[in-house]
Amino acid sequence: MPYIKKTKRLDFQLQPLDEIYINNPGELNYLITYLCDQYWQQSGNYQGINDIVGALEGAKMEFYRRVAAPYENVKSAENGDVYNV
């Protein structure tokens, strides 16, 4: 959930993204939500909502393809596959 202390929210503003240290999933969710809201405030229409949902879905799929799937392949090789294919 994107609800973190207001004092912590200041850490995410006016900094280059590579200087932000995210400590937990709540902070990650807050940062994503904040960025989406900034985009939404600029568009304010259905197209903006569609853009945000599409960008999130695309980012999710790309993260899974590039990070999660290779990780799962390594673990499957290490521990044995659950599927008998």
Protein backbone atom coordinates (compact mmCIF):
# COMPACT_ATOMS: atom_id res chain seq x y z
CA MET A 1 0.00 0.00 0.00
CA PRO A 2 1.27 3.49 -0.79
CA TYR A 3 0.72 4.94 2.67
CA ILE A 4 3.96 5.95 4.35
CA LYS A 5 4.76 8.69 6.86
CA LYS A 6 4.61 12.21 5.45
CA THR A 7 8.17 12.89 6.65
CA LYS A 8 9.40 9.93 4.58
CA ARG A 9 7.57 11.22 1.49
CA LEU A 10 9.95 14.15 1.39
CA ASP A 11 12.81 11.72 0.69
CA PHE A 12 11.32 10.90 -2.70
CA GLN A 13 10.92 14.47 -3.92
CA LEU A 14 13.46 16.59 -5.78
CA GLN A 15 16.09 13.84 -5.95
CA PRO A 16 17.52 11.98 -8.92
CA LEU A 17 15.94 8.51 -8.98
CA ASP A 18 19.31 6.77 -8.66
CA GLU A 19 19.83 8.51 -5.29
CA ILE A 20 16.60 7.20 -3.75
CA TYR A 21 16.96 4.25 -1.39
CA ILE A 22 13.70 2.34 -1.03
CA ASN A 23 13.55 0.43 2.26
CA ASN A 24 10.38 -1.65 1.94
CA PRO A 25 7.46 -2.55 -0.36
CA GLY A 26 5.31 0.25 1.07
CA GLU A 27 7.86 2.85 0.02
CA LEU A 28 8.15 1.25 -3.42
CA ASN A 29 4.36 1.32 -3.76
CA TYR A 30 4.27 4.96 -2.63
CA LEU A 31 6.85 5.98 -5.21
CA ILE A 32 5.01 4.20 -8.02
CA THR A 33 1.68 5.67 -6.89
CA TYR A 34 3.17 9.16 -6.61
CA LEU A 35 4.54 8.99 -10.16
CA CYS A 36 1.23 7.70 -11.51
CA ASP A 37 -0.64 10.48 -9.72
CA GLN A 38 1.70 13.09 -11.18
CA TYR A 39 0.94 11.78 -14.65
CA TRP A 40 -2.79 11.62 -13.88
CA GLN A 41 -2.80 15.23 -12.64
CA GLN A 42 -1.28 16.31 -15.95
CA SER A 43 -3.77 14.43 -18.12
CA GLY A 44 -6.92 14.26 -16.01
CA ASN A 45 -8.84 12.17 -18.51
CA TYR A 46 -9.61 8.59 -19.43
CA GLN A 47 -6.64 8.44 -21.80
CA GLY A 48 -4.36 9.27 -18.86
CA ILE A 49 -5.86 6.43 -16.84
CA ASN A 50 -5.40 4.09 -19.78
CA ASP A 51 -1.80 5.28 -20.23
CA ILE A 52 -0.99 4.63 -16.57
CA VAL A 53 -2.58 1.18 -16.49
CA GLY A 54 -0.80 0.25 -19.72
CA ALA A 55 2.55 1.52 -18.48
CA LEU A 56 2.20 -0.38 -15.20
CA GLU A 57 1.21 -3.58 -17.00
CA GLY A 58 4.07 -3.22 -19.47
CA ALA A 59 6.57 -2.56 -16.68
CA LYS A 60 5.26 -5.60 -14.78
CA MET A 61 5.57 -7.87 -17.80
CA GLU A 62 9.04 -6.60 -18.65
CA PHE A 63 10.22 -7.04 -15.07
CA TYR A 64 8.88 -10.59 -15.05
CA ARG A 65 10.50 -11.39 -18.39
CA ARG A 66 13.89 -9.88 -17.56
CA VAL A 67 14.20 -10.62 -13.82
CA ALA A 68 11.64 -13.05 -12.43
CA ALA A 69 11.65 -15.70 -15.17
CA PRO A 70 15.45 -16.07 -15.29
CA TYR A 71 15.50 -16.27 -11.48
CA GLU A 72 12.82 -18.97 -11.52
CA ASN A 73 14.74 -20.90 -14.18
CA VAL A 74 17.86 -20.95 -11.98
CA LYS A 75 15.85 -22.12 -8.96
CA SER A 76 14.13 -24.79 -11.01
CA ALA A 77 17.51 -26.10 -12.17
CA GLU A 78 18.87 -26.01 -8.61
CA ASN A 79 15.89 -27.58 -6.88
CA GLY A 80 14.17 -29.63 -9.56
CA ASP A 81 11.19 -28.79 -11.71
CA VAL A 82 7.67 -29.17 -10.37
CA TYR A 83 6.24 -29.89 -13.83
CA ASN A 84 6.67 -33.25 -15.52
CA VAL A 85 6.98 -31.92 -19.06
